[in-house]
Structure formats: C-alpha cells, structure tokens
Amino acid sequence: MQSETKSKVDQLTSPAGHSVSVLRYEGDIASTSKEAVLGTYQSLPKETVKLVLLDFTKVDYINSSGIALVIQMLIEASNAGQKVFAFGLSPHFTKVFTMVGITKYAGLFPNESAAMAAL
C-alpha cells in the first residue's frame, strides 16, 4: 500500500554562505504526489531561490509517475536558472535516477553534509 507523500521546506545556509531551500520528502512518491512534489517546489520564490536541495532520506518508494514529477520539477528549475542537488536516495534509486538522465539536471549526493559541502 502506498503511503501519502509529505513535504516541507527548510531554509539553510551552505558552508560557502549561500542560501539553500531544502525540500524534504517523506512517504512514497507517485502520481498522487503532484502537490507535494511540484506544488511545494512551485511555491518557492524563483527570484530569490537559486539553490534547491531535495531530501529523499524518508522516501520509501518512487514509481515511474513519481520519477516523471521529479523530472518535471528539475526541468522547471533549470529553466528558472536554479541549481538542484539531491541526497538520501537508496542505491537502487541512485542507479535509476542516473539511468533516466536526472544527473543532467541535478547532482546526486549520499547525504546532506556532502550535498551542502558542494554548494
């Protein structure tokens, strides 16, 4: 059974002093997750948010529809001139994200500290 997708936004500062918006997801990401994935991202002010970090540490499962939502978000971010990084993916989903070309739009990191260090 699919669990509901939850999301929240945290504002952090990278070690280099940059403002970073962190989208933290929880549950499963599927076609029913549009509001949690795209809606949360689209609520960020594009004029001021230039660095976006996606936290998948509490995501149990992502199906193909969920991956499509993530790709749509990454294309919007690219068009807005934002840089996106992601962390917390299982080895399986790191491989899937790499295979479908998500790494062209987002850097993938094993954990939050590694991602923050790259910003």
PDB file of N, CA and C in Angstrom:
ATOM      1  N   MET A   1       0.831  -1.182   0.000  1.00  0.00           N
ATOM      2  CA  MET A   1       0.000   0.000   0.000  1.00  0.00           C
ATOM      3  C   MET A   1       0.881   1.253   0.000  1.00  0.00           C
ATOM      4  N   GLN A   2       0.479   2.201  -0.800  1.00  0.00           N
ATOM      5  CA  GLN A   2       1.250   3.432  -0.951  1.00  0.00           C
ATOM      6  C   GLN A   2       1.008   4.368   0.220  1.00  0.00           C
ATOM      7  N   SER A   3       2.099   4.940   0.740  1.00  0.00           N
ATOM      8  CA  SER A   3       1.930   5.911   1.826  1.00  0.00           C
ATOM      9  C   SER A   3       1.906   7.327   1.244  1.00  0.00           C
ATOM     10  N   GLU A   4       1.160   8.196   1.911  1.00  0.00           N
ATOM     11  CA  GLU A   4       0.994   9.570   1.449  1.00  0.00           C
ATOM     12  C   GLU A   4       2.332  10.298   1.424  1.00  0.00           C
ATOM     13  N   THR A   5       2.516  11.130   0.419  1.00  0.00           N
ATOM     14  CA  THR A   5       3.732  11.928   0.322  1.00  0.00           C
ATOM     15  C   THR A   5       3.566  13.195   1.145  1.00  0.00           C
ATOM     16  N   LYS A   6       4.527  13.441   1.999  1.00  0.00           N
ATOM     17  CA  LYS A   6       4.556  14.673   2.767  1.00  0.00           C
ATOM     18  C   LYS A   6       5.788  15.450   2.333  1.00  0.00           C
ATOM     19  N   SER A   7       5.696  16.766   2.425  1.00  0.00           N
ATOM     20  CA  SER A   7       6.865  17.576   2.100  1.00  0.00           C
ATOM     21  C   SER A   7       6.890  18.811   2.985  1.00  0.00           C
ATOM     22  N   LYS A   8       8.104  19.266   3.234  1.00  0.00           N
ATOM     23  CA  LYS A   8       8.280  20.518   3.961  1.00  0.00           C
ATOM     24  C   LYS A   8       9.524  21.198   3.418  1.00  0.00           C
ATOM     25  N   VAL A   9       9.604  22.497   3.666  1.00  0.00           N
ATOM     26  CA  VAL A   9      10.738  23.284   3.164  1.00  0.00           C
ATOM     27  C   VAL A   9      11.517  23.836   4.346  1.00  0.00           C
ATOM     28  N   ASP A  10      12.824  23.635   4.321  1.00  0.00           N
ATOM     29  CA  ASP A  10      13.724  24.232   5.307  1.00  0.00           C
ATOM     30  C   ASP A  10      14.633  25.214   4.582  1.00  0.00           C
ATOM     31  N   GLN A  11      15.018  26.273   5.267  1.00  0.00           N
ATOM     32  CA  GLN A  11      15.993  27.224   4.720  1.00  0.00           C
ATOM     33  C   GLN A  11      17.303  27.039   5.479  1.00  0.00           C
ATOM     34  N   LEU A  12      18.370  26.741   4.742  1.00  0.00           N
ATOM     35  CA  LEU A  12      19.685  26.542   5.343  1.00  0.00           C
ATOM     36  C   LEU A  12      20.694  27.469   4.660  1.00  0.00           C
ATOM     37  N   THR A  13      21.860  27.558   5.247  1.00  0.00           N
ATOM     38  CA  THR A  13      22.966  28.302   4.644  1.00  0.00           C
ATOM     39  C   THR A  13      24.109  27.320   4.421  1.00  0.00           C
ATOM     40  N   SER A  14      24.613  27.291   3.202  1.00  0.00           N
ATOM     41  CA  SER A  14      25.711  26.373   2.873  1.00  0.00           C
ATOM     42  C   SER A  14      26.997  26.844   3.544  1.00  0.00           C
ATOM     43  N   PRO A  15      28.006  25.967   3.643  1.00  0.00           N
ATOM     44  CA  PRO A  15      29.291  26.376   4.226  1.00  0.00           C
ATOM     45  C   PRO A  15      29.901  27.587   3.511  1.00  0.00           C
ATOM     46  N   ALA A  16      29.560  27.764   2.229  1.00  0.00           N
ATOM     47  CA  ALA A  16      30.084  28.905   1.467  1.00  0.00           C
ATOM     48  C   ALA A  16      29.235  30.163   1.673  1.00  0.00           C
ATOM     49  N   GLY A  17      28.166  30.051   2.483  1.00  0.00           N
ATOM     50  CA  GLY A  17      27.350  31.215   2.789  1.00  0.00           C
ATOM     51  C   GLY A  17      26.158  31.438   1.879  1.00  0.00           C
ATOM     52  N   HIS A  18      25.854  30.460   1.021  1.00  0.00           N
ATOM     53  CA  HIS A  18      24.723  30.582   0.104  1.00  0.00           C
ATOM     54  C   HIS A  18      23.425  30.136   0.782  1.00  0.00           C
ATOM     55  N   SER A  19      22.326  30.806   0.466  1.00  0.00           N
ATOM     56  CA  SER A  19      21.012  30.399   0.964  1.00  0.00           C
ATOM     57  C   SER A  19      20.531  29.186   0.161  1.00  0.00           C
ATOM     58  N   VAL A  20      20.063  28.167   0.868  1.00  0.00           N
ATOM     59  CA  VAL A  20      19.640  26.924   0.240  1.00  0.00           C
ATOM     60  C   VAL A  20      18.233  26.571   0.718  1.00  0.00           C
ATOM     61  N   SER A  21      17.334  26.294  -0.239  1.00  0.00           N
ATOM     62  CA  SER A  21      15.994  25.812   0.104  1.00  0.00           C
ATOM     63  C   SER A  21      16.014  24.287   0.026  1.00  0.00           C
ATOM     64  N   VAL A  22      15.684  23.634   1.141  1.00  0.00           N
ATOM     65  CA  VAL A  22      15.707  22.171   1.205  1.00  0.00           C
ATOM     66  C   VAL A  22      14.270  21.666   1.195  1.00  0.00           C
ATOM     67  N   LEU A  23      13.926  20.873   0.173  1.00  0.00           N
ATOM     68  CA  LEU A  23      12.608  20.246   0.094  1.00  0.00           C
ATOM     69  C   LEU A  23      12.755  18.845   0.650  1.00  0.00           C
ATOM     70  N   ARG A  24      12.124  18.600   1.786  1.00  0.00           N
ATOM     71  CA  ARG A  24      12.234  17.296   2.456  1.00  0.00           C
ATOM     72  C   ARG A  24      10.967  16.491   2.193  1.00  0.00           C
ATOM     73  N   TYR A  25      11.146  15.331   1.565  1.00  0.00           N
ATOM     74  CA  TYR A  25      10.018  14.465   1.220  1.00  0.00           C
ATOM     75  C   TYR A  25       9.955  13.273   2.160  1.00  0.00           C
ATOM     76  N   GLU A  26       8.735  12.782   2.354  1.00  0.00           N
ATOM     77  CA  GLU A  26       8.513  11.623   3.216  1.00  0.00           C
ATOM     78  C   GLU A  26       7.388  10.793   2.630  1.00  0.00           C
ATOM     79  N   GLY A  27       7.528   9.458   2.673  1.00  0.00           N
ATOM     80  CA  GLY A  27       6.499   8.564   2.144  1.00  0.00           C
ATOM     81  C   GLY A  27       6.883   8.064   0.765  1.00  0.00           C
ATOM     82  N   ASP A  28       5.887   7.719  -0.028  1.00  0.00           N
ATOM     83  CA  ASP A  28       6.107   7.239  -1.389  1.00  0.00           C
ATOM     84  C   ASP A  28       5.854   8.375  -2.372  1.00  0.00           C
ATOM     85  N   ILE A  29       6.596   8.393  -3.470  1.00  0.00           N
ATOM     86  CA  ILE A  29       6.375   9.409  -4.499  1.00  0.00           C
ATOM     87  C   ILE A  29       5.800   8.712  -5.729  1.00  0.00           C
ATOM     88  N   ALA A  30       4.572   9.114  -6.082  1.00  0.00           N
ATOM     89  CA  ALA A  30       3.840   8.510  -7.195  1.00  0.00           C
ATOM     90  C   ALA A  30       2.992   9.591  -7.866  1.00  0.00           C
ATOM     91  N   SER A  31       2.082   9.193  -8.736  1.00  0.00           N
ATOM     92  CA  SER A  31       1.252  10.159  -9.457  1.00  0.00           C
ATOM     93  C   SER A  31       0.404  11.005  -8.508  1.00  0.00           C
ATOM     94  N   THR A  32       0.070  10.469  -7.343  1.00  0.00           N
ATOM     95  CA  THR A  32      -0.730  11.211  -6.366  1.00  0.00           C
ATOM     96  C   THR A  32       0.103  12.236  -5.591  1.00  0.00           C
ATOM     97  N   SER A  33       1.384  12.323  -5.880  1.00  0.00           N
ATOM     98  CA  SER A  33       2.298  13.197  -5.135  1.00  0.00           C
ATOM     99  C   SER A  33       2.521  14.548  -5.806  1.00  0.00           C
ATOM    100  N   LYS A  34       1.717  14.870  -6.813  1.00  0.00           N
ATOM    101  CA  LYS A  34       1.956  16.096  -7.587  1.00  0.00           C
ATOM    102  C   LYS A  34       2.015  17.336  -6.704  1.00  0.00           C
ATOM    103  N   GLU A  35       1.071  17.493  -5.785  1.00  0.00           N
ATOM    104  CA  GLU A  35       1.045  18.679  -4.929  1.00  0.00           C
ATOM    105  C   GLU A  35       2.274  18.715  -4.009  1.00  0.00           C
ATOM    106  N   ALA A  36       2.641  17.565  -3.449  1.00  0.00           N
ATOM    107  CA  ALA A  36       3.784  17.518  -2.529  1.00  0.00           C
ATOM    108  C   ALA A  36       5.098  17.789  -3.252  1.00  0.00           C
ATOM    109  N   VAL A  37       5.235  17.292  -4.478  1.00  0.00           N
ATOM    110  CA  VAL A  37       6.489  17.451  -5.204  1.00  0.00           C
ATOM    111  C   VAL A  37       6.504  18.770  -5.980  1.00  0.00           C
ATOM    112  N   LEU A  38       5.601  18.901  -6.950  1.00  0.00           N
ATOM    113  CA  LEU A  38       5.590  20.104  -7.786  1.00  0.00           C
ATOM    114  C   LEU A  38       5.038  21.320  -7.047  1.00  0.00           C
ATOM    115  N   GLY A  39       3.970  21.130  -6.307  1.00  0.00           N
ATOM    116  CA  GLY A  39       3.354  22.247  -5.598  1.00  0.00           C
ATOM    117  C   GLY A  39       4.306  22.886  -4.604  1.00  0.00           C
ATOM    118  N   THR A  40       5.023  22.056  -3.850  1.00  0.00           N
ATOM    119  CA  THR A  40       5.986  22.577  -2.877  1.00  0.00           C
ATOM    120  C   THR A  40       7.103  23.324  -3.595  1.00  0.00           C
ATOM    121  N   TYR A  41       7.621  22.735  -4.663  1.00  0.00           N
ATOM    122  CA  TYR A  41       8.674  23.405  -5.427  1.00  0.00           C
ATOM    123  C   TYR A  41       8.166  24.725  -6.014  1.00  0.00           C
ATOM    124  N   GLN A  42       6.990  24.704  -6.625  1.00  0.00           N
ATOM    125  CA  GLN A  42       6.470  25.898  -7.297  1.00  0.00           C
ATOM    126  C   GLN A  42       6.121  27.024  -6.328  1.00  0.00           C
ATOM    127  N   SER A  43       5.983  26.700  -5.046  1.00  0.00           N
ATOM    128  CA  SER A  43       5.694  27.741  -4.054  1.00  0.00           C
ATOM    129  C   SER A  43       6.944  28.546  -3.673  1.00  0.00           C
ATOM    130  N   LEU A  44       8.115  28.063  -4.075  1.00  0.00           N
ATOM    131  CA  LEU A  44       9.357  28.779  -3.770  1.00  0.00           C
ATOM    132  C   LEU A  44       9.478  30.016  -4.661  1.00  0.00           C
ATOM    133  N   PRO A  45       9.899  31.146  -4.107  1.00  0.00           N
ATOM    134  CA  PRO A  45      10.059  32.349  -4.933  1.00  0.00           C
ATOM    135  C   PRO A  45      11.260  32.213  -5.879  1.00  0.00           C
ATOM    136  N   LYS A  46      10.996  32.136  -7.177  1.00  0.00           N
ATOM    137  CA  LYS A  46      12.043  31.893  -8.182  1.00  0.00           C
ATOM    138  C   LYS A  46      13.085  33.016  -8.228  1.00  0.00           C
ATOM    139  N   GLU A  47      12.678  34.243  -7.860  1.00  0.00           N
ATOM    140  CA  GLU A  47      13.604  35.373  -7.924  1.00  0.00           C
ATOM    141  C   GLU A  47      14.724  35.245  -6.896  1.00  0.00           C
ATOM    142  N   THR A  48      14.410  34.675  -5.747  1.00  0.00           N
ATOM    143  CA  THR A  48      15.399  34.630  -4.665  1.00  0.00           C
ATOM    144  C   THR A  48      15.994  33.247  -4.431  1.00  0.00           C
ATOM    145  N   VAL A  49      15.284  32.198  -4.803  1.00  0.00           N
ATOM    146  CA  VAL A  49      15.776  30.832  -4.568  1.00  0.00           C
ATOM    147  C   VAL A  49      16.602  30.384  -5.767  1.00  0.00           C
ATOM    148  N   LYS A  50      17.898  30.231  -5.550  1.00  0.00           N
ATOM    149  CA  LYS A  50      18.792  29.817  -6.638  1.00  0.00           C
ATOM    150  C   LYS A  50      19.384  28.433  -6.409  1.00  0.00           C
ATOM    151  N   LEU A  51      19.372  27.965  -5.138  1.00  0.00           N
ATOM    152  CA  LEU A  51      19.890  26.635  -4.811  1.00  0.00           C
ATOM    153  C   LEU A  51      18.796  25.828  -4.136  1.00  0.00           C
ATOM    154  N   VAL A  52      18.515  24.650  -4.703  1.00  0.00           N
ATOM    155  CA  VAL A  52      17.471  23.785  -4.171  1.00  0.00           C
ATOM    156  C   VAL A  52      18.082  22.421  -3.870  1.00  0.00           C
ATOM    157  N   LEU A  53      17.802  21.934  -2.685  1.00  0.00           N
ATOM    158  CA  LEU A  53      18.291  20.631  -2.251  1.00  0.00           C
ATOM    159  C   LEU A  53      17.089  19.731  -2.011  1.00  0.00           C
ATOM    160  N   LEU A  54      17.081  18.548  -2.615  1.00  0.00           N
ATOM    161  CA  LEU A  54      15.982  17.594  -2.456  1.00  0.00           C
ATOM    162  C   LEU A  54      16.416  16.493  -1.496  1.00  0.00           C
ATOM    163  N   ASP A  55      15.656  16.304  -0.429  1.00  0.00           N
ATOM    164  CA  ASP A  55      15.970  15.312   0.604  1.00  0.00           C
ATOM    165  C   ASP A  55      15.040  14.113   0.439  1.00  0.00           C
ATOM    166  N   PHE A  56      15.616  12.984   0.022  1.00  0.00           N
ATOM    167  CA  PHE A  56      14.853  11.755  -0.180  1.00  0.00           C
ATOM    168  C   PHE A  56      15.091  10.729   0.929  1.00  0.00           C
ATOM    169  N   THR A  57      15.694  11.121   2.052  1.00  0.00           N
ATOM    170  CA  THR A  57      16.065  10.147   3.085  1.00  0.00           C
ATOM    171  C   THR A  57      14.862   9.417   3.675  1.00  0.00           C
ATOM    172  N   LYS A  58      13.679  10.048   3.680  1.00  0.00           N
ATOM    173  CA  LYS A  58      12.490   9.401   4.259  1.00  0.00           C
ATOM    174  C   LYS A  58      11.508   8.928   3.196  1.00  0.00           C
ATOM    175  N   VAL A  59      12.000   8.798   1.957  1.00  0.00           N
ATOM    176  CA  VAL A  59      11.170   8.291   0.868  1.00  0.00           C
ATOM    177  C   VAL A  59      11.432   6.795   0.727  1.00  0.00           C
ATOM    178  N   ASP A  60      10.345   6.017   0.798  1.00  0.00           N
ATOM    179  CA  ASP A  60      10.482   4.569   0.722  1.00  0.00           C
ATOM    180  C   ASP A  60      10.449   4.051  -0.712  1.00  0.00           C
ATOM    181  N   TYR A  61       9.663   4.712  -1.553  1.00  0.00           N
ATOM    182  CA  TYR A  61       9.437   4.180  -2.897  1.00  0.00           C
ATOM    183  C   TYR A  61       9.124   5.322  -3.855  1.00  0.00           C
ATOM    184  N   ILE A  62       9.630   5.224  -5.078  1.00  0.00           N
ATOM    185  CA  ILE A  62       9.322   6.182  -6.137  1.00  0.00           C
ATOM    186  C   ILE A  62       8.966   5.353  -7.375  1.00  0.00           C
ATOM    187  N   ASN A  63       7.730   5.515  -7.874  1.00  0.00           N
ATOM    188  CA  ASN A  63       7.393   4.776  -9.090  1.00  0.00           C
ATOM    189  C   ASN A  63       7.660   5.648 -10.318  1.00  0.00           C
ATOM    190  N   SER A  64       7.364   5.130 -11.503  1.00  0.00           N
ATOM    191  CA  SER A  64       7.686   5.862 -12.729  1.00  0.00           C
ATOM    192  C   SER A  64       6.955   7.198 -12.808  1.00  0.00           C
ATOM    193  N   SER A  65       5.719   7.261 -12.317  1.00  0.00           N
ATOM    194  CA  SER A  65       4.982   8.534 -12.308  1.00  0.00           C
ATOM    195  C   SER A  65       5.654   9.529 -11.368  1.00  0.00           C
ATOM    196  N   GLY A  66       6.162   9.042 -10.249  1.00  0.00           N
ATOM    197  CA  GLY A  66       6.883   9.893  -9.308  1.00  0.00           C
ATOM    198  C   GLY A  66       8.175  10.414  -9.910  1.00  0.00           C
ATOM    199  N   ILE A  67       8.883   9.568 -10.635  1.00  0.00           N
ATOM    200  CA  ILE A  67      10.107   9.994 -11.309  1.00  0.00           C
ATOM    201  C   ILE A  67       9.784  11.067 -12.343  1.00  0.00           C
ATOM    202  N   ALA A  68       8.664  10.911 -13.050  1.00  0.00           N
ATOM    203  CA  ALA A  68       8.243  11.915 -14.034  1.00  0.00           C
ATOM    204  C   ALA A  68       7.981  13.263 -13.361  1.00  0.00           C
ATOM    205  N   LEU A  69       7.393  13.259 -12.165  1.00  0.00           N
ATOM    206  CA  LEU A  69       7.163  14.504 -11.423  1.00  0.00           C
ATOM    207  C   LEU A  69       8.493  15.167 -11.052  1.00  0.00           C
ATOM    208  N   VAL A  70       9.445  14.354 -10.595  1.00  0.00           N
ATOM    209  CA  VAL A  70      10.764  14.885 -10.233  1.00  0.00           C
ATOM    210  C   VAL A  70      11.429  15.484 -11.470  1.00  0.00           C
ATOM    211  N   ILE A  71      11.346  14.797 -12.607  1.00  0.00           N
ATOM    212  CA  ILE A  71      11.943  15.310 -13.842  1.00  0.00           C
ATOM    213  C   ILE A  71      11.283  16.626 -14.246  1.00  0.00           C
ATOM    214  N   GLN A  72       9.948  16.702 -14.151  1.00  0.00           N
ATOM    215  CA  GLN A  72       9.245  17.939 -14.490  1.00  0.00           C
ATOM    216  C   GLN A  72       9.734  19.095 -13.607  1.00  0.00           C
ATOM    217  N   MET A  73       9.888  18.819 -12.314  1.00  0.00           N
ATOM    218  CA  MET A  73      10.380  19.830 -11.388  1.00  0.00           C
ATOM    219  C   MET A  73      11.794  20.270 -11.770  1.00  0.00           C
ATOM    220  N   LEU A  74      12.653  19.326 -12.122  1.00  0.00           N
ATOM    221  CA  LEU A  74      14.033  19.652 -12.471  1.00  0.00           C
ATOM    222  C   LEU A  74      14.119  20.473 -13.751  1.00  0.00           C
ATOM    223  N   ILE A  75      13.236  20.204 -14.708  1.00  0.00           N
ATOM    224  CA  ILE A  75      13.211  20.993 -15.941  1.00  0.00           C
ATOM    225  C   ILE A  75      12.768  22.422 -15.630  1.00  0.00           C
ATOM    226  N   GLU A  76      11.747  22.566 -14.782  1.00  0.00           N
ATOM    227  CA  GLU A  76      11.305  23.907 -14.378  1.00  0.00           C
ATOM    228  C   GLU A  76      12.439  24.655 -13.671  1.00  0.00           C
ATOM    229  N   ALA A  77      13.159  23.963 -12.796  1.00  0.00           N
ATOM    230  CA  ALA A  77      14.269  24.586 -12.068  1.00  0.00           C
ATOM    231  C   ALA A  77      15.369  25.014 -13.035  1.00  0.00           C
ATOM    232  N   SER A  78      15.667  24.177 -13.991  1.00  0.00           N
ATOM    233  CA  SER A  78      16.690  24.504 -14.986  1.00  0.00           C
ATOM    234  C   SER A  78      16.276  25.736 -15.784  1.00  0.00           C
ATOM    235  N   ASN A  79      15.022  25.778 -16.198  1.00  0.00           N
ATOM    236  CA  ASN A  79      14.516  26.924 -16.954  1.00  0.00           C
ATOM    237  C   ASN A  79      14.529  28.207 -16.125  1.00  0.00           C
ATOM    238  N   ALA A  80      14.425  28.073 -14.794  1.00  0.00           N
ATOM    239  CA  ALA A  80      14.439  29.235 -13.900  1.00  0.00           C
ATOM    240  C   ALA A  80      15.860  29.615 -13.478  1.00  0.00           C
ATOM    241  N   GLY A  81      16.850  28.885 -13.977  1.00  0.00           N
ATOM    242  CA  GLY A  81      18.241  29.187 -13.638  1.00  0.00           C
ATOM    243  C   GLY A  81      18.643  28.725 -12.250  1.00  0.00           C
ATOM    244  N   GLN A  82      17.918  27.757 -11.708  1.00  0.00           N
ATOM    245  CA  GLN A  82      18.233  27.251 -10.372  1.00  0.00           C
ATOM    246  C   GLN A  82      19.129  26.019 -10.477  1.00  0.00           C
ATOM    247  N   LYS A  83      19.966  25.833  -9.452  1.00  0.00           N
ATOM    248  CA  LYS A  83      20.767  24.622  -9.348  1.00  0.00           C
ATOM    249  C   LYS A  83      20.086  23.707  -8.350  1.00  0.00           C
ATOM    250  N   VAL A  84      20.000  22.414  -8.701  1.00  0.00           N
ATOM    251  CA  VAL A  84      19.329  21.444  -7.844  1.00  0.00           C
ATOM    252  C   VAL A  84      20.283  20.306  -7.514  1.00  0.00           C
ATOM    253  N   PHE A  85      20.272  19.921  -6.245  1.00  0.00           N
ATOM    254  CA  PHE A  85      21.060  18.795  -5.774  1.00  0.00           C
ATOM    255  C   PHE A  85      20.127  17.887  -4.985  1.00  0.00           C
ATOM    256  N   ALA A  86      20.419  16.608  -4.964  1.00  0.00           N
ATOM    257  CA  ALA A  86      19.578  15.655  -4.239  1.00  0.00           C
ATOM    258  C   ALA A  86      20.447  14.744  -3.394  1.00  0.00           C
ATOM    259  N   PHE A  87      19.872  14.280  -2.284  1.00  0.00           N
ATOM    260  CA  PHE A  87      20.595  13.329  -1.439  1.00  0.00           C
ATOM    261  C   PHE A  87      19.598  12.389  -0.771  1.00  0.00           C
ATOM    262  N   GLY A  88      20.143  11.327  -0.208  1.00  0.00           N
ATOM    263  CA  GLY A  88      19.323  10.401   0.556  1.00  0.00           C
ATOM    264  C   GLY A  88      18.631   9.325  -0.263  1.00  0.00           C
ATOM    265  N   LEU A  89      18.997   9.197  -1.531  1.00  0.00           N
ATOM    266  CA  LEU A  89      18.404   8.141  -2.356  1.00  0.00           C
ATOM    267  C   LEU A  89      19.047   6.800  -2.020  1.00  0.00           C
ATOM    268  N   SER A  90      18.257   5.749  -2.071  1.00  0.00           N
ATOM    269  CA  SER A  90      18.817   4.407  -1.891  1.00  0.00           C
ATOM    270  C   SER A  90      19.727   4.113  -3.087  1.00  0.00           C
ATOM    271  N   PRO A  91      20.624   3.125  -2.950  1.00  0.00           N
ATOM    272  CA  PRO A  91      21.475   2.778  -4.094  1.00  0.00           C
ATOM    273  C   PRO A  91      20.657   2.446  -5.350  1.00  0.00           C
ATOM    274  N   HIS A  92      19.516   1.776  -5.165  1.00  0.00           N
ATOM    275  CA  HIS A  92      18.657   1.428  -6.304  1.00  0.00           C
ATOM    276  C   HIS A  92      18.163   2.689  -7.014  1.00  0.00           C
ATOM    277  N   PHE A  93      17.639   3.649  -6.252  1.00  0.00           N
ATOM    278  CA  PHE A  93      17.102   4.852  -6.888  1.00  0.00           C
ATOM    279  C   PHE A  93      18.196   5.786  -7.391  1.00  0.00           C
ATOM    280  N   THR A  94      19.373   5.729  -6.804  1.00  0.00           N
ATOM    281  CA  THR A  94      20.506   6.473  -7.359  1.00  0.00           C
ATOM    282  C   THR A  94      20.803   5.942  -8.754  1.00  0.00           C
ATOM    283  N   LYS A  95      20.778   4.619  -8.894  1.00  0.00           N
ATOM    284  CA  LYS A  95      21.020   3.985 -10.193  1.00  0.00           C
ATOM    285  C   LYS A  95      19.903   4.343 -11.182  1.00  0.00           C
ATOM    286  N   VAL A  96      18.646   4.285 -10.738  1.00  0.00           N
ATOM    287  CA  VAL A  96      17.515   4.613 -11.610  1.00  0.00           C
ATOM    288  C   VAL A  96      17.597   6.070 -12.061  1.00  0.00           C
ATOM    289  N   PHE A  97      17.848   6.985 -11.123  1.00  0.00           N
ATOM    290  CA  PHE A  97      17.940   8.412 -11.460  1.00  0.00           C
ATOM    291  C   PHE A  97      19.064   8.640 -12.474  1.00  0.00           C
ATOM    292  N   THR A  98      20.166   7.932 -12.318  1.00  0.00           N
ATOM    293  CA  THR A  98      21.281   8.063 -13.256  1.00  0.00           C
ATOM    294  C   THR A  98      20.885   7.517 -14.629  1.00  0.00           C
ATOM    295  N   MET A  99      20.207   6.385 -14.655  1.00  0.00           N
ATOM    296  CA  MET A  99      19.808   5.757 -15.920  1.00  0.00           C
ATOM    297  C   MET A  99      18.828   6.621 -16.712  1.00  0.00           C
ATOM    298  N   VAL A 100      17.915   7.305 -16.026  1.00  0.00           N
ATOM    299  CA  VAL A 100      16.919   8.114 -16.744  1.00  0.00           C
ATOM    300  C   VAL A 100      17.409   9.533 -17.033  1.00  0.00           C
ATOM    301  N   GLY A 101      18.635   9.847 -16.667  1.00  0.00           N
ATOM    302  CA  GLY A 101      19.231  11.120 -17.040  1.00  0.00           C
ATOM    303  C   GLY A 101      19.013  12.269 -16.069  1.00  0.00           C
ATOM    304  N   ILE A 102      18.553  11.967 -14.868  1.00  0.00           N
ATOM    305  CA  ILE A 102      18.319  13.029 -13.895  1.00  0.00           C
ATOM    306  C   ILE A 102      19.623  13.734 -13.515  1.00  0.00           C
ATOM    307  N   THR A 103      20.736  13.028 -13.618  1.00  0.00           N
ATOM    308  CA  THR A 103      22.012  13.635 -13.250  1.00  0.00           C
ATOM    309  C   THR A 103      22.410  14.776 -14.188  1.00  0.00           C
ATOM    310  N   LYS A 104      21.734  14.913 -15.336  1.00  0.00           N
ATOM    311  CA  LYS A 104      21.984  16.071 -16.207  1.00  0.00           C
ATOM    312  C   LYS A 104      21.430  17.342 -15.562  1.00  0.00           C
ATOM    313  N   TYR A 105      20.432  17.187 -14.698  1.00  0.00           N
ATOM    314  CA  TYR A 105      19.741  18.325 -14.092  1.00  0.00           C
ATOM    315  C   TYR A 105      20.029  18.497 -12.604  1.00  0.00           C
ATOM    316  N   ALA A 106      20.501  17.445 -11.960  1.00  0.00           N
ATOM    317  CA  ALA A 106      20.707  17.513 -10.513  1.00  0.00           C
ATOM    318  C   ALA A 106      21.912  16.672 -10.105  1.00  0.00           C
ATOM    319  N   GLY A 107      22.717  17.235  -9.211  1.00  0.00           N
ATOM    320  CA  GLY A 107      23.811  16.470  -8.641  1.00  0.00           C
ATOM    321  C   GLY A 107      23.258  15.534  -7.569  1.00  0.00           C
ATOM    322  N   LEU A 108      23.753  14.305  -7.514  1.00  0.00           N
ATOM    323  CA  LEU A 108      23.292  13.335  -6.511  1.00  0.00           C
ATOM    324  C   LEU A 108      24.392  13.119  -5.478  1.00  0.00           C
ATOM    325  N   PHE A 109      24.000  13.156  -4.212  1.00  0.00           N
ATOM    326  CA  PHE A 109      24.949  13.004  -3.113  1.00  0.00           C
ATOM    327  C   PHE A 109      24.424  11.970  -2.116  1.00  0.00           C
ATOM    328  N   PRO A 110      25.331  11.302  -1.387  1.00  0.00           N
ATOM    329  CA  PRO A 110      24.890  10.263  -0.448  1.00  0.00           C
ATOM    330  C   PRO A 110      24.166  10.819   0.773  1.00  0.00           C
ATOM    331  N   ASN A 111      24.524  12.042   1.203  1.00  0.00           N
ATOM    332  CA  ASN A 111      23.904  12.586   2.415  1.00  0.00           C
ATOM    333  C   ASN A 111      23.888  14.107   2.370  1.00  0.00           C
ATOM    334  N   GLU A 112      23.225  14.698   3.352  1.00  0.00           N
ATOM    335  CA  GLU A 112      23.053  16.154   3.365  1.00  0.00           C
ATOM    336  C   GLU A 112      24.373  16.905   3.494  1.00  0.00           C
ATOM    337  N   SER A 113      25.275  16.414   4.343  1.00  0.00           N
ATOM    338  CA  SER A 113      26.535  17.144   4.527  1.00  0.00           C
ATOM    339  C   SER A 113      27.364  17.155   3.244  1.00  0.00           C
ATOM    340  N   ALA A 114      27.369  16.053   2.503  1.00  0.00           N
ATOM    341  CA  ALA A 114      28.107  16.021   1.233  1.00  0.00           C
ATOM    342  C   ALA A 114      27.492  16.980   0.226  1.00  0.00           C
ATOM    343  N   ALA A 115      26.174  17.025   0.173  1.00  0.00           N
ATOM    344  CA  ALA A 115      25.485  17.940  -0.749  1.00  0.00           C
ATOM    345  C   ALA A 115      25.741  19.399  -0.361  1.00  0.00           C
ATOM    346  N   MET A 116      25.632  19.699   0.920  1.00  0.00           N
ATOM    347  CA  MET A 116      25.854  21.077   1.379  1.00  0.00           C
ATOM    348  C   MET A 116      27.282  21.532   1.123  1.00  0.00           C
ATOM    349  N   ALA A 117      28.240  20.625   1.260  1.00  0.00           N
ATOM    350  CA  ALA A 117      29.638  20.958   1.037  1.00  0.00           C
ATOM    351  C   ALA A 117      29.890  21.321  -0.429  1.00  0.00           C
ATOM    352  N   ALA A 118      29.053  20.808  -1.321  1.00  0.00           N
ATOM    353  CA  ALA A 118      29.229  21.080  -2.760  1.00  0.00           C
ATOM    354  C   ALA A 118      28.622  22.409  -3.175  1.00  0.00           C
ATOM    355  N   LEU A 119      27.848  23.030  -2.288  1.00  0.00           N
ATOM    356  CA  LEU A 119      27.163  24.282  -2.658  1.00  0.00           C
ATOM    357  C   LEU A 119      28.031  25.491  -2.387  1.00  0.00           C
TER     358      LEU A 119
END
